[in-house]
Amino acid sequence: MIWINILEEVNGSLKFRNVSFKYPSRKGVHILKKLSFTCKKGEATAIVGPNGSGKSTCIALLECFYDPQQGAVLLDGHDLRILNVKWLRSIIGLVQ
């Protein structure tokens, strides 16, 4: 994988593409299974659901606290795993 570090320009499109995830401490429990959705530039997005449905996990993946076991989280088409984490977190605005 190529390491980009930072993007020169950020458009703001965010995409979860077939993301599957299990927490290391709960290997037998799928938290996310092939989750796909897109957040477009300029649109507000809300993630809603009951306790345990993966809302906080989506945010943890977006902020690169964890990497998906399958699939990818993309910012303007770039996999978050190739970006500088400190830079990425500095450009994210999150309202809980």
N, C-alpha and C. Protein backbone atom coordinates (compact mmCIF):
# COMPACT_ATOMS: atom_id res chain seq x y z
N MET A 1 0.85 -1.18 0.00
CA MET A 1 0.00 0.00 0.00
C MET A 1 0.90 1.24 0.00
N ILE A 2 0.50 2.24 -0.74
CA ILE A 2 1.26 3.49 -0.84
C ILE A 2 0.89 4.41 0.32
N TRP A 3 1.88 5.01 0.95
CA TRP A 3 1.66 5.93 2.07
C TRP A 3 1.61 7.35 1.53
N ILE A 4 0.45 8.02 1.63
CA ILE A 4 0.29 9.37 1.11
C ILE A 4 0.62 10.41 2.17
N ASN A 5 0.34 10.14 3.41
CA ASN A 5 0.57 11.07 4.50
C ASN A 5 -0.59 12.06 4.63
N ILE A 6 -0.68 13.06 3.75
CA ILE A 6 -1.80 14.01 3.79
C ILE A 6 -2.29 14.26 2.36
N LEU A 7 -3.50 14.74 2.24
CA LEU A 7 -4.05 15.11 0.93
C LEU A 7 -3.85 16.60 0.73
N GLU A 8 -3.47 16.99 -0.46
CA GLU A 8 -3.29 18.41 -0.78
C GLU A 8 -4.62 19.16 -0.68
N GLU A 9 -5.68 18.51 -1.13
CA GLU A 9 -7.01 19.11 -1.12
C GLU A 9 -8.01 18.08 -0.63
N VAL A 10 -8.90 18.48 0.27
CA VAL A 10 -9.92 17.58 0.80
C VAL A 10 -11.27 18.06 0.32
N ASN A 11 -11.95 17.20 -0.44
CA ASN A 11 -13.28 17.50 -0.93
C ASN A 11 -14.32 17.18 0.13
N GLY A 12 -14.14 16.07 0.84
CA GLY A 12 -15.02 15.73 1.95
C GLY A 12 -15.95 14.56 1.73
N SER A 13 -15.79 13.82 0.65
CA SER A 13 -16.60 12.64 0.42
C SER A 13 -16.06 11.49 1.27
N LEU A 14 -16.95 10.83 2.00
CA LEU A 14 -16.57 9.73 2.89
C LEU A 14 -17.36 8.49 2.48
N LYS A 15 -16.67 7.36 2.41
CA LYS A 15 -17.34 6.14 1.98
C LYS A 15 -16.86 4.95 2.80
N PHE A 16 -17.81 4.19 3.32
CA PHE A 16 -17.54 2.89 3.93
C PHE A 16 -17.87 1.87 2.84
N ARG A 17 -16.88 1.08 2.42
CA ARG A 17 -17.07 0.13 1.33
C ARG A 17 -16.88 -1.30 1.83
N ASN A 18 -18.00 -2.01 1.98
CA ASN A 18 -17.99 -3.42 2.41
C ASN A 18 -17.15 -3.65 3.66
N VAL A 19 -17.35 -2.81 4.67
CA VAL A 19 -16.54 -2.86 5.89
C VAL A 19 -17.06 -3.94 6.84
N SER A 20 -16.15 -4.82 7.24
CA SER A 20 -16.44 -5.82 8.27
C SER A 20 -15.45 -5.61 9.40
N PHE A 21 -15.93 -5.78 10.63
CA PHE A 21 -15.07 -5.51 11.78
C PHE A 21 -15.50 -6.34 12.98
N LYS A 22 -14.49 -6.86 13.70
CA LYS A 22 -14.67 -7.52 15.00
C LYS A 22 -13.63 -6.91 15.93
N TYR A 23 -14.02 -6.58 17.15
CA TYR A 23 -13.06 -6.07 18.12
C TYR A 23 -12.10 -7.19 18.52
N PRO A 24 -10.82 -6.87 18.72
CA PRO A 24 -9.84 -7.91 19.09
C PRO A 24 -10.22 -8.68 20.35
N SER A 25 -10.89 -8.03 21.29
CA SER A 25 -11.27 -8.69 22.54
C SER A 25 -12.55 -9.52 22.40
N ARG A 26 -13.25 -9.39 21.27
CA ARG A 26 -14.51 -10.13 21.04
C ARG A 26 -14.49 -10.75 19.64
N LYS A 27 -13.50 -11.59 19.38
CA LYS A 27 -13.26 -12.10 18.03
C LYS A 27 -14.42 -12.87 17.42
N GLY A 28 -15.26 -13.44 18.23
CA GLY A 28 -16.38 -14.22 17.71
C GLY A 28 -17.61 -13.40 17.38
N VAL A 29 -17.58 -12.09 17.65
CA VAL A 29 -18.76 -11.25 17.47
C VAL A 29 -18.52 -10.25 16.34
N HIS A 30 -19.30 -10.37 15.26
CA HIS A 30 -19.23 -9.39 14.17
C HIS A 30 -19.94 -8.12 14.62
N ILE A 31 -19.21 -7.01 14.63
CA ILE A 31 -19.83 -5.72 14.95
C ILE A 31 -20.39 -5.11 13.67
N LEU A 32 -19.58 -5.13 12.61
CA LEU A 32 -20.01 -4.67 11.29
C LEU A 32 -19.76 -5.79 10.30
N LYS A 33 -20.71 -5.99 9.41
CA LYS A 33 -20.59 -7.06 8.42
C LYS A 33 -20.96 -6.50 7.05
N LYS A 34 -19.94 -6.24 6.23
CA LYS A 34 -20.11 -5.73 4.87
C LYS A 34 -20.94 -4.44 4.82
N LEU A 35 -20.65 -3.51 5.71
CA LEU A 35 -21.35 -2.24 5.77
C LEU A 35 -20.87 -1.32 4.64
N SER A 36 -21.80 -0.75 3.90
CA SER A 36 -21.48 0.20 2.85
C SER A 36 -22.43 1.39 2.93
N PHE A 37 -21.86 2.59 2.91
CA PHE A 37 -22.65 3.81 2.79
C PHE A 37 -21.72 4.94 2.38
N THR A 38 -22.31 6.01 1.87
CA THR A 38 -21.55 7.17 1.41
C THR A 38 -22.08 8.43 2.07
N CYS A 39 -21.18 9.29 2.52
CA CYS A 39 -21.51 10.62 3.04
C CYS A 39 -20.95 11.62 2.03
N LYS A 40 -21.83 12.36 1.39
CA LYS A 40 -21.40 13.29 0.35
C LYS A 40 -21.02 14.65 0.93
N LYS A 41 -20.14 15.31 0.24
CA LYS A 41 -19.70 16.66 0.61
C LYS A 41 -20.91 17.58 0.79
N GLY A 42 -20.92 18.32 1.88
CA GLY A 42 -21.98 19.31 2.11
C GLY A 42 -23.25 18.76 2.70
N GLU A 43 -23.35 17.47 2.90
CA GLU A 43 -24.55 16.89 3.48
C GLU A 43 -24.29 16.49 4.93
N ALA A 44 -25.29 16.69 5.78
CA ALA A 44 -25.20 16.22 7.16
C ALA A 44 -25.59 14.74 7.17
N THR A 45 -24.87 13.96 7.96
CA THR A 45 -25.13 12.53 8.05
C THR A 45 -25.29 12.14 9.51
N ALA A 46 -26.33 11.37 9.79
CA ALA A 46 -26.54 10.85 11.14
C ALA A 46 -26.47 9.34 11.09
N ILE A 47 -25.79 8.75 12.06
CA ILE A 47 -25.74 7.30 12.20
C ILE A 47 -26.59 6.96 13.42
N VAL A 48 -27.67 6.25 13.20
CA VAL A 48 -28.61 5.94 14.29
C VAL A 48 -28.82 4.43 14.38
N GLY A 49 -29.22 3.97 15.55
CA GLY A 49 -29.52 2.57 15.75
C GLY A 49 -29.49 2.23 17.22
N PRO A 50 -29.93 1.02 17.56
CA PRO A 50 -29.95 0.60 18.96
C PRO A 50 -28.55 0.37 19.50
N ASN A 51 -28.45 0.22 20.82
CA ASN A 51 -27.16 -0.11 21.45
C ASN A 51 -26.57 -1.36 20.81
N GLY A 52 -25.28 -1.31 20.56
CA GLY A 52 -24.59 -2.47 20.01
C GLY A 52 -24.70 -2.62 18.51
N SER A 53 -25.25 -1.63 17.82
CA SER A 53 -25.44 -1.78 16.37
C SER A 53 -24.24 -1.31 15.55
N GLY A 54 -23.21 -0.73 16.19
CA GLY A 54 -22.00 -0.38 15.47
C GLY A 54 -21.78 1.10 15.22
N LYS A 55 -22.59 1.95 15.82
CA LYS A 55 -22.44 3.40 15.60
C LYS A 55 -21.08 3.90 16.06
N SER A 56 -20.71 3.61 17.28
CA SER A 56 -19.41 4.05 17.81
C SER A 56 -18.26 3.38 17.07
N THR A 57 -18.46 2.17 16.63
CA THR A 57 -17.43 1.47 15.86
C THR A 57 -17.17 2.19 14.55
N CYS A 58 -18.21 2.67 13.88
CA CYS A 58 -18.02 3.44 12.64
C CYS A 58 -17.14 4.66 12.90
N ILE A 59 -17.38 5.35 14.00
CA ILE A 59 -16.59 6.53 14.34
C ILE A 59 -15.15 6.13 14.66
N ALA A 60 -14.97 5.04 15.40
CA ALA A 60 -13.62 4.56 15.73
C ALA A 60 -12.85 4.20 14.47
N LEU A 61 -13.51 3.63 13.47
CA LEU A 61 -12.86 3.32 12.20
C LEU A 61 -12.55 4.59 11.42
N LEU A 62 -13.47 5.54 11.45
CA LEU A 62 -13.25 6.82 10.77
C LEU A 62 -12.05 7.56 11.36
N GLU A 63 -11.88 7.49 12.67
CA GLU A 63 -10.77 8.18 13.33
C GLU A 63 -9.51 7.31 13.42
N CYS A 64 -9.55 6.16 12.76
CA CYS A 64 -8.39 5.24 12.67
C CYS A 64 -7.91 4.72 14.01
N PHE A 65 -8.83 4.53 14.96
CA PHE A 65 -8.47 3.85 16.19
C PHE A 65 -8.34 2.35 15.92
N TYR A 66 -9.03 1.88 14.89
CA TYR A 66 -8.96 0.50 14.42
C TYR A 66 -8.98 0.52 12.90
N ASP A 67 -8.53 -0.59 12.29
CA ASP A 67 -8.64 -0.79 10.85
C ASP A 67 -9.69 -1.86 10.60
N PRO A 68 -10.45 -1.73 9.53
CA PRO A 68 -11.41 -2.80 9.21
C PRO A 68 -10.68 -4.09 8.86
N GLN A 69 -11.29 -5.25 9.21
CA GLN A 69 -10.70 -6.52 8.82
C GLN A 69 -10.92 -6.76 7.32
N GLN A 70 -12.04 -6.27 6.82
CA GLN A 70 -12.34 -6.36 5.39
C GLN A 70 -12.93 -5.04 4.94
N GLY A 71 -12.80 -4.75 3.66
CA GLY A 71 -13.34 -3.52 3.11
C GLY A 71 -12.43 -2.34 3.42
N ALA A 72 -12.98 -1.14 3.23
CA ALA A 72 -12.17 0.07 3.42
C ALA A 72 -13.05 1.25 3.76
N VAL A 73 -12.46 2.19 4.49
CA VAL A 73 -13.07 3.49 4.75
C VAL A 73 -12.27 4.48 3.89
N LEU A 74 -12.98 5.22 3.04
CA LEU A 74 -12.33 6.08 2.06
C LEU A 74 -12.67 7.55 2.26
N LEU A 75 -11.69 8.41 2.14
CA LEU A 75 -11.88 9.86 2.13
C LEU A 75 -11.48 10.34 0.74
N ASP A 76 -12.43 10.87 0.01
CA ASP A 76 -12.20 11.31 -1.37
C ASP A 76 -11.53 10.22 -2.21
N GLY A 77 -11.93 8.97 -1.97
CA GLY A 77 -11.42 7.85 -2.73
C GLY A 77 -10.11 7.27 -2.22
N HIS A 78 -9.53 7.83 -1.15
CA HIS A 78 -8.27 7.36 -0.59
C HIS A 78 -8.54 6.57 0.68
N ASP A 79 -7.98 5.37 0.76
CA ASP A 79 -8.11 4.54 1.94
C ASP A 79 -7.48 5.26 3.13
N LEU A 80 -8.20 5.34 4.24
CA LEU A 80 -7.69 6.05 5.42
C LEU A 80 -6.39 5.47 5.95
N ARG A 81 -6.15 4.20 5.68
CA ARG A 81 -4.94 3.55 6.19
C ARG A 81 -3.65 4.10 5.58
N ILE A 82 -3.76 4.86 4.48
CA ILE A 82 -2.55 5.42 3.86
C ILE A 82 -2.31 6.87 4.28
N LEU A 83 -3.21 7.41 5.11
CA LEU A 83 -3.10 8.81 5.52
C LEU A 83 -2.47 8.94 6.90
N ASN A 84 -1.87 10.08 7.14
CA ASN A 84 -1.29 10.40 8.44
C ASN A 84 -2.43 10.56 9.44
N VAL A 85 -2.41 9.77 10.50
CA VAL A 85 -3.52 9.74 11.46
C VAL A 85 -3.69 11.08 12.17
N LYS A 86 -2.60 11.69 12.60
CA LYS A 86 -2.69 12.98 13.30
C LYS A 86 -3.33 14.03 12.39
N TRP A 87 -2.90 14.08 11.14
CA TRP A 87 -3.47 15.03 10.18
C TRP A 87 -4.95 14.73 9.96
N LEU A 88 -5.30 13.45 9.76
CA LEU A 88 -6.68 13.07 9.51
C LEU A 88 -7.58 13.50 10.66
N ARG A 89 -7.16 13.21 11.89
CA ARG A 89 -7.99 13.58 13.05
C ARG A 89 -8.12 15.09 13.19
N SER A 90 -7.14 15.84 12.70
CA SER A 90 -7.21 17.31 12.80
C SER A 90 -8.24 17.91 11.84
N ILE A 91 -8.63 17.18 10.80
CA ILE A 91 -9.60 17.72 9.85
C ILE A 91 -11.02 17.19 10.05
N ILE A 92 -11.19 16.31 11.04
CA ILE A 92 -12.50 15.71 11.30
C ILE A 92 -13.24 16.54 12.34
N GLY A 93 -14.50 16.86 12.05
CA GLY A 93 -15.37 17.51 13.02
C GLY A 93 -16.49 16.54 13.38
N LEU A 94 -16.61 16.20 14.63
CA LEU A 94 -17.57 15.21 15.08
C LEU A 94 -18.45 15.80 16.16
N VAL A 95 -19.77 15.68 15.98
CA VAL A 95 -20.72 16.11 16.99
C VAL A 95 -21.43 14.86 17.51
N GLN A 96 -21.29 14.61 18.81
CA GLN A 96 -21.95 13.43 19.38
C GLN A 96 -23.23 13.79 20.09
